Each structure stands twice: as C-alpha cells, then as structure tokens.
PDB file of N, CA and C in Angstrom:
ATOM      1  N   MET A   1     128.519 110.205 131.054  1.00  0.00           N
ATOM      2  CA  MET A   1     129.397 110.221 132.343  1.00  0.00           C
ATOM      3  C   MET A   1     129.328 111.843 132.304  1.00  0.00           C
ATOM      4  N   ARG A   2     128.986 112.257 133.413  1.00  0.00           N
ATOM      5  CA  ARG A   2     129.278 113.672 134.108  1.00  0.00           C
ATOM      6  C   ARG A   2     130.678 113.956 133.860  1.00  0.00           C
ATOM      7  N   MET A   3     130.838 115.270 133.790  1.00  0.00           N
ATOM      8  CA  MET A   3     132.306 115.796 133.590  1.00  0.00           C
ATOM      9  C   MET A   3     132.985 115.599 135.110  1.00  0.00           C
ATOM     10  N   ILE A   4     132.412 115.925 136.193  1.00  0.00           N
ATOM     11  CA  ILE A   4     132.924 115.684 137.374  1.00  0.00           C
ATOM     12  C   ILE A   4     133.575 114.358 137.558  1.00  0.00           C
ATOM     13  N   ASP A   5     132.699 113.372 136.886  1.00  0.00           N
ATOM     14  CA  ASP A   5     133.007 112.133 137.099  1.00  0.00           C
ATOM     15  C   ASP A   5     134.478 111.739 136.350  1.00  0.00           C
ATOM     16  N   THR A   6     134.198 112.291 135.346  1.00  0.00           N
ATOM     17  CA  THR A   6     135.304 112.076 134.297  1.00  0.00           C
ATOM     18  C   THR A   6     136.679 112.584 134.925  1.00  0.00           C
ATOM     19  N   VAL A   7     136.849 113.786 135.713  1.00  0.00           N
ATOM     20  CA  VAL A   7     137.807 114.421 136.141  1.00  0.00           C
ATOM     21  C   VAL A   7     138.338 113.859 137.321  1.00  0.00           C
ATOM     22  N   HIS A   8     137.491 113.138 138.183  1.00  0.00           N
ATOM     23  CA  HIS A   8     137.763 112.330 139.303  1.00  0.00           C
ATOM     24  C   HIS A   8     138.522 111.182 138.973  1.00  0.00           C
ATOM     25  N   LYS A   9     138.057 110.571 137.808  1.00  0.00           N
ATOM     26  CA  LYS A   9     138.580 109.356 137.272  1.00  0.00           C
ATOM     27  C   LYS A   9     140.228 109.495 136.577  1.00  0.00           C
ATOM     28  N   ILE A  10     140.101 110.569 136.419  1.00  0.00           N
ATOM     29  CA  ILE A  10     141.502 111.015 135.759  1.00  0.00           C
ATOM     30  C   ILE A  10     142.343 111.442 136.667  1.00  0.00           C
ATOM     31  N   ASN A  11     142.131 111.742 138.106  1.00  0.00           N
ATOM     32  CA  ASN A  11     142.875 112.093 138.976  1.00  0.00           C
ATOM     33  C   ASN A  11     143.246 110.925 139.619  1.00  0.00           C
ATOM     34  N   GLN A  12     142.156 109.942 139.831  1.00  0.00           N
ATOM     35  CA  GLN A  12     142.547 108.639 140.396  1.00  0.00           C
ATOM     36  C   GLN A  12     143.731 107.812 139.800  1.00  0.00           C
ATOM     37  N   LEU A  13     143.634 107.570 138.444  1.00  0.00           N
ATOM     38  CA  LEU A  13     144.532 107.119 137.489  1.00  0.00           C
ATOM     39  C   LEU A  13     146.095 107.527 137.650  1.00  0.00           C
ATOM     40  N   GLU A  14     146.305 109.061 137.659  1.00  0.00           N
ATOM     41  CA  GLU A  14     147.396 109.777 137.875  1.00  0.00           C
ATOM     42  C   GLU A  14     147.949 109.581 139.503  1.00  0.00           C
ATOM     43  N   ASP A  15     147.176 109.879 140.274  1.00  0.00           N
ATOM     44  CA  ASP A  15     147.476 109.643 141.581  1.00  0.00           C
ATOM     45  C   ASP A  15     147.987 108.133 142.009  1.00  0.00           C
ATOM     46  N   HIS A  16     147.236 107.167 141.503  1.00  0.00           N
ATOM     47  CA  HIS A  16     147.826 105.863 141.668  1.00  0.00           C
ATOM     48  C   HIS A  16     149.044 105.347 140.883  1.00  0.00           C
ATOM     49  N   TYR A  17     149.046 105.636 139.676  1.00  0.00           N
ATOM     50  CA  TYR A  17     150.063 105.283 138.785  1.00  0.00           C
ATOM     51  C   TYR A  17     151.180 106.177 138.431  1.00  0.00           C
ATOM     52  N   CYS A  18     150.940 107.440 138.061  1.00  0.00           N
ATOM     53  CA  CYS A  18     151.693 108.252 137.413  1.00  0.00           C
ATOM     54  C   CYS A  18     152.719 109.012 138.480  1.00  0.00           C
ATOM     55  N   HIS A  19     152.404 109.296 139.711  1.00  0.00           N
ATOM     56  CA  HIS A  19     153.140 109.943 140.825  1.00  0.00           C
ATOM     57  C   HIS A  19     154.429 109.017 140.885  1.00  0.00           C
ATOM     58  N   GLN A  20     154.261 107.752 141.055  1.00  0.00           N
ATOM     59  CA  GLN A  20     155.162 106.569 141.510  1.00  0.00           C
ATOM     60  C   GLN A  20     155.962 105.934 140.101  1.00  0.00           C
ATOM     61  N   CYS A  21     155.570 106.473 138.998  1.00  0.00           N
ATOM     62  CA  CYS A  21     156.207 105.994 137.705  1.00  0.00           C
ATOM     63  C   CYS A  21     157.886 106.367 137.657  1.00  0.00           C
ATOM     64  N   LEU A  22     158.604 105.267 137.396  1.00  0.00           N
ATOM     65  CA  LEU A  22     160.161 105.468 137.512  1.00  0.00           C
ATOM     66  C   LEU A  22     160.452 105.712 136.187  1.00  0.00           C
ATOM     67  N   ILE A  23     159.702 105.247 135.099  1.00  0.00           N
ATOM     68  CA  ILE A  23     160.111 105.420 133.744  1.00  0.00           C
ATOM     69  C   ILE A  23     159.639 107.246 133.476  1.00  0.00           C
ATOM     70  N   LYS A  24     158.556 107.675 133.983  1.00  0.00           N
ATOM     71  CA  LYS A  24     158.381 109.239 133.822  1.00  0.00           C
ATOM     72  C   LYS A  24     159.413 109.854 134.740  1.00  0.00           C
ATOM     73  N   LYS A  25     159.825 109.450 135.982  1.00  0.00           N
ATOM     74  CA  LYS A  25     160.620 110.335 136.396  1.00  0.00           C
ATOM     75  C   LYS A  25     162.237 110.391 135.665  1.00  0.00           C
ATOM     76  N   THR A  26     162.515 108.965 135.167  1.00  0.00           N
ATOM     77  CA  THR A  26     163.929 109.051 134.502  1.00  0.00           C
ATOM     78  C   THR A  26     163.888 109.900 133.315  1.00  0.00           C
ATOM     79  N   LEU A  27     162.621 109.676 132.459  1.00  0.00           N
ATOM     80  CA  LEU A  27     162.788 110.573 131.297  1.00  0.00           C
ATOM     81  C   LEU A  27     162.663 112.158 131.602  1.00  0.00           C
ATOM     82  N   ARG A  28     162.005 112.587 132.608  1.00  0.00           N
ATOM     83  CA  ARG A  28     161.806 114.023 133.032  1.00  0.00           C
ATOM     84  C   ARG A  28     163.274 114.429 133.350  1.00  0.00           C
ATOM     85  N   GLN A  29     163.997 113.748 133.768  1.00  0.00           N
ATOM     86  CA  GLN A  29     165.324 114.159 133.862  1.00  0.00           C
ATOM     87  C   GLN A  29     166.193 114.514 132.963  1.00  0.00           C
ATOM     88  N   GLU A  30     166.123 113.620 131.712  1.00  0.00           N
ATOM     89  CA  GLU A  30     166.338 114.069 130.500  1.00  0.00           C
ATOM     90  C   GLU A  30     165.704 115.137 129.903  1.00  0.00           C
ATOM     91  N   SER A  31     164.671 115.202 129.911  1.00  0.00           N
ATOM     92  CA  SER A  31     163.735 116.107 128.983  1.00  0.00           C
ATOM     93  C   SER A  31     162.363 116.124 129.382  1.00  0.00           C
ATOM     94  N   LYS A  32     161.398 116.934 129.869  1.00  0.00           N
ATOM     95  CA  LYS A  32     160.038 116.976 130.008  1.00  0.00           C
ATOM     96  C   LYS A  32     159.123 116.613 128.843  1.00  0.00           C
ATOM     97  N   THR A  33     159.934 117.118 127.648  1.00  0.00           N
ATOM     98  CA  THR A  33     159.070 116.801 126.541  1.00  0.00           C
ATOM     99  C   THR A  33     159.397 115.331 126.313  1.00  0.00           C
ATOM    100  N   LYS A  34     160.474 114.607 126.330  1.00  0.00           N
ATOM    101  CA  LYS A  34     160.452 113.177 126.309  1.00  0.00           C
ATOM    102  C   LYS A  34     159.648 112.445 127.106  1.00  0.00           C
ATOM    103  N   ALA A  35     159.328 112.827 128.498  1.00  0.00           N
ATOM    104  CA  ALA A  35     158.580 112.317 129.586  1.00  0.00           C
ATOM    105  C   ALA A  35     156.955 112.339 128.919  1.00  0.00           C
ATOM    106  N   HIS A  36     156.609 113.599 128.396  1.00  0.00           N
ATOM    107  CA  HIS A  36     155.156 113.834 127.882  1.00  0.00           C
ATOM    108  C   HIS A  36     154.973 112.931 126.912  1.00  0.00           C
ATOM    109  N   HIS A  37     155.859 112.820 125.799  1.00  0.00           N
ATOM    110  CA  HIS A  37     155.573 112.245 124.765  1.00  0.00           C
ATOM    111  C   HIS A  37     155.460 110.632 125.174  1.00  0.00           C
ATOM    112  N   TYR A  38     156.250 110.026 125.851  1.00  0.00           N
ATOM    113  CA  TYR A  38     156.496 108.724 126.188  1.00  0.00           C
ATOM    114  C   TYR A  38     154.788 108.642 126.976  1.00  0.00           C
ATOM    115  N   CYS A  39     154.327 109.763 127.881  1.00  0.00           N
ATOM    116  CA  CYS A  39     153.049 109.187 128.561  1.00  0.00           C
ATOM    117  C   CYS A  39     151.961 109.055 127.870  1.00  0.00           C
ATOM    118  N   ILE A  40     151.720 110.011 126.720  1.00  0.00           N
ATOM    119  CA  ILE A  40     150.536 110.406 125.714  1.00  0.00           C
ATOM    120  C   ILE A  40     150.329 109.199 124.835  1.00  0.00           C
ATOM    121  N   SER A  41     151.881 108.566 124.465  1.00  0.00           N
ATOM    122  CA  SER A  41     151.842 107.819 123.050  1.00  0.00           C
ATOM    123  C   SER A  41     152.137 106.336 123.386  1.00  0.00           C
ATOM    124  N   LYS A  42     152.763 106.164 124.601  1.00  0.00           N
ATOM    125  CA  LYS A  42     153.216 104.668 124.783  1.00  0.00           C
ATOM    126  C   LYS A  42     152.717 104.024 125.988  1.00  0.00           C
ATOM    127  N   CYS A  43     152.501 104.648 127.027  1.00  0.00           N
ATOM    128  CA  CYS A  43     152.181 104.298 128.338  1.00  0.00           C
ATOM    129  C   CYS A  43     150.702 104.061 128.510  1.00  0.00           C
ATOM    130  N   SER A  44     150.288 102.767 128.709  1.00  0.00           N
ATOM    131  CA  SER A  44     148.881 102.355 128.954  1.00  0.00           C
ATOM    132  C   SER A  44     148.049 103.223 129.719  1.00  0.00           C
ATOM    133  N   VAL A  45     148.604 103.793 130.730  1.00  0.00           N
ATOM    134  CA  VAL A  45     147.733 104.530 131.657  1.00  0.00           C
ATOM    135  C   VAL A  45     147.549 105.705 131.203  1.00  0.00           C
ATOM    136  N   GLY A  46     148.732 106.273 130.613  1.00  0.00           N
ATOM    137  CA  GLY A  46     148.814 107.667 129.769  1.00  0.00           C
ATOM    138  C   GLY A  46     147.724 107.640 128.772  1.00  0.00           C
ATOM    139  N   LEU A  47     147.832 106.633 127.956  1.00  0.00           N
ATOM    140  CA  LEU A  47     146.791 106.643 126.946  1.00  0.00           C
ATOM    141  C   LEU A  47     145.209 106.635 127.468  1.00  0.00           C
ATOM    142  N   GLN A  48     145.032 105.847 128.508  1.00  0.00           N
ATOM    143  CA  GLN A  48     143.849 105.872 129.278  1.00  0.00           C
ATOM    144  C   GLN A  48     143.383 107.206 129.817  1.00  0.00           C
ATOM    145  N   ILE A  49     144.198 108.046 130.399  1.00  0.00           N
ATOM    146  CA  ILE A  49     144.250 109.118 130.818  1.00  0.00           C
ATOM    147  C   ILE A  49     143.733 110.201 129.568  1.00  0.00           C
ATOM    148  N   LYS A  50     144.342 110.077 128.319  1.00  0.00           N
ATOM    149  CA  LYS A  50     144.226 110.651 127.360  1.00  0.00           C
ATOM    150  C   LYS A  50     142.848 110.616 126.838  1.00  0.00           C
ATOM    151  N   GLN A  51     142.411 109.173 126.985  1.00  0.00           N
ATOM    152  CA  GLN A  51     141.097 108.846 126.296  1.00  0.00           C
ATOM    153  C   GLN A  51     140.068 109.573 127.277  1.00  0.00           C
ATOM    154  N   TRP A  52     140.145 109.495 128.291  1.00  0.00           N
ATOM    155  CA  TRP A  52     139.065 110.121 129.461  1.00  0.00           C
ATOM    156  C   TRP A  52     138.996 111.603 129.252  1.00  0.00           C
ATOM    157  N   GLY A  53     140.507 112.247 128.933  1.00  0.00           N
ATOM    158  CA  GLY A  53     140.375 113.645 128.799  1.00  0.00           C
ATOM    159  C   GLY A  53     139.594 113.942 127.393  1.00  0.00           C
ATOM    160  N   ASN A  54     140.053 113.239 126.498  1.00  0.00           N
ATOM    161  CA  ASN A  54     139.124 113.387 125.061  1.00  0.00           C
ATOM    162  C   ASN A  54     137.487 113.335 125.133  1.00  0.00           C
ATOM    163  N   ASN A  55     136.944 112.677 126.287  1.00  0.00           N
ATOM    164  CA  ASN A  55     135.506 112.893 126.616  1.00  0.00           C
ATOM    165  C   ASN A  55     135.381 114.093 127.137  1.00  0.00           C
ATOM    166  N   LEU A  56     136.120 114.898 127.792  1.00  0.00           N
ATOM    167  CA  LEU A  56     135.850 116.150 128.227  1.00  0.00           C
ATOM    168  C   LEU A  56     135.568 117.215 127.167  1.00  0.00           C
ATOM    169  N   GLN A  57     135.711 117.134 125.883  1.00  0.00           N
ATOM    170  CA  GLN A  57     135.848 117.768 124.916  1.00  0.00           C
ATOM    171  C   GLN A  57     134.318 117.885 124.342  1.00  0.00           C
TER     172      GLN A  57
END
C-alpha cells in the first residue's frame, strides 16, 4: 500500500472516531499522558491506527 493511502486511512479513522471520543476527552482532562496511553494500548481504534502507522516505517 502506498504511503499516501496509509496516511489517508489513519486520518479517516481519527476523524471518524477519535475526535468525538468521550473516553479520550475525559482522560485528557486528567492527563494527556493517560489519554495517550489508553489510546495506543487499549482502544481498538487506537491500536488500528498504531498498526497503520507501523506500516509507514
């Protein structure tokens, strides 16, 4: 898959799910680190974004 397609897919996932995420919003009020850790280790969408990002390397 081309790099531009991968970036587009990541942006679509983030726009569709992450911007409206109440869990992320709540955790960010406590700590940005907690929100980031949740997103990359427990959230199914975050894990998918992480996987797509690894394809860019």
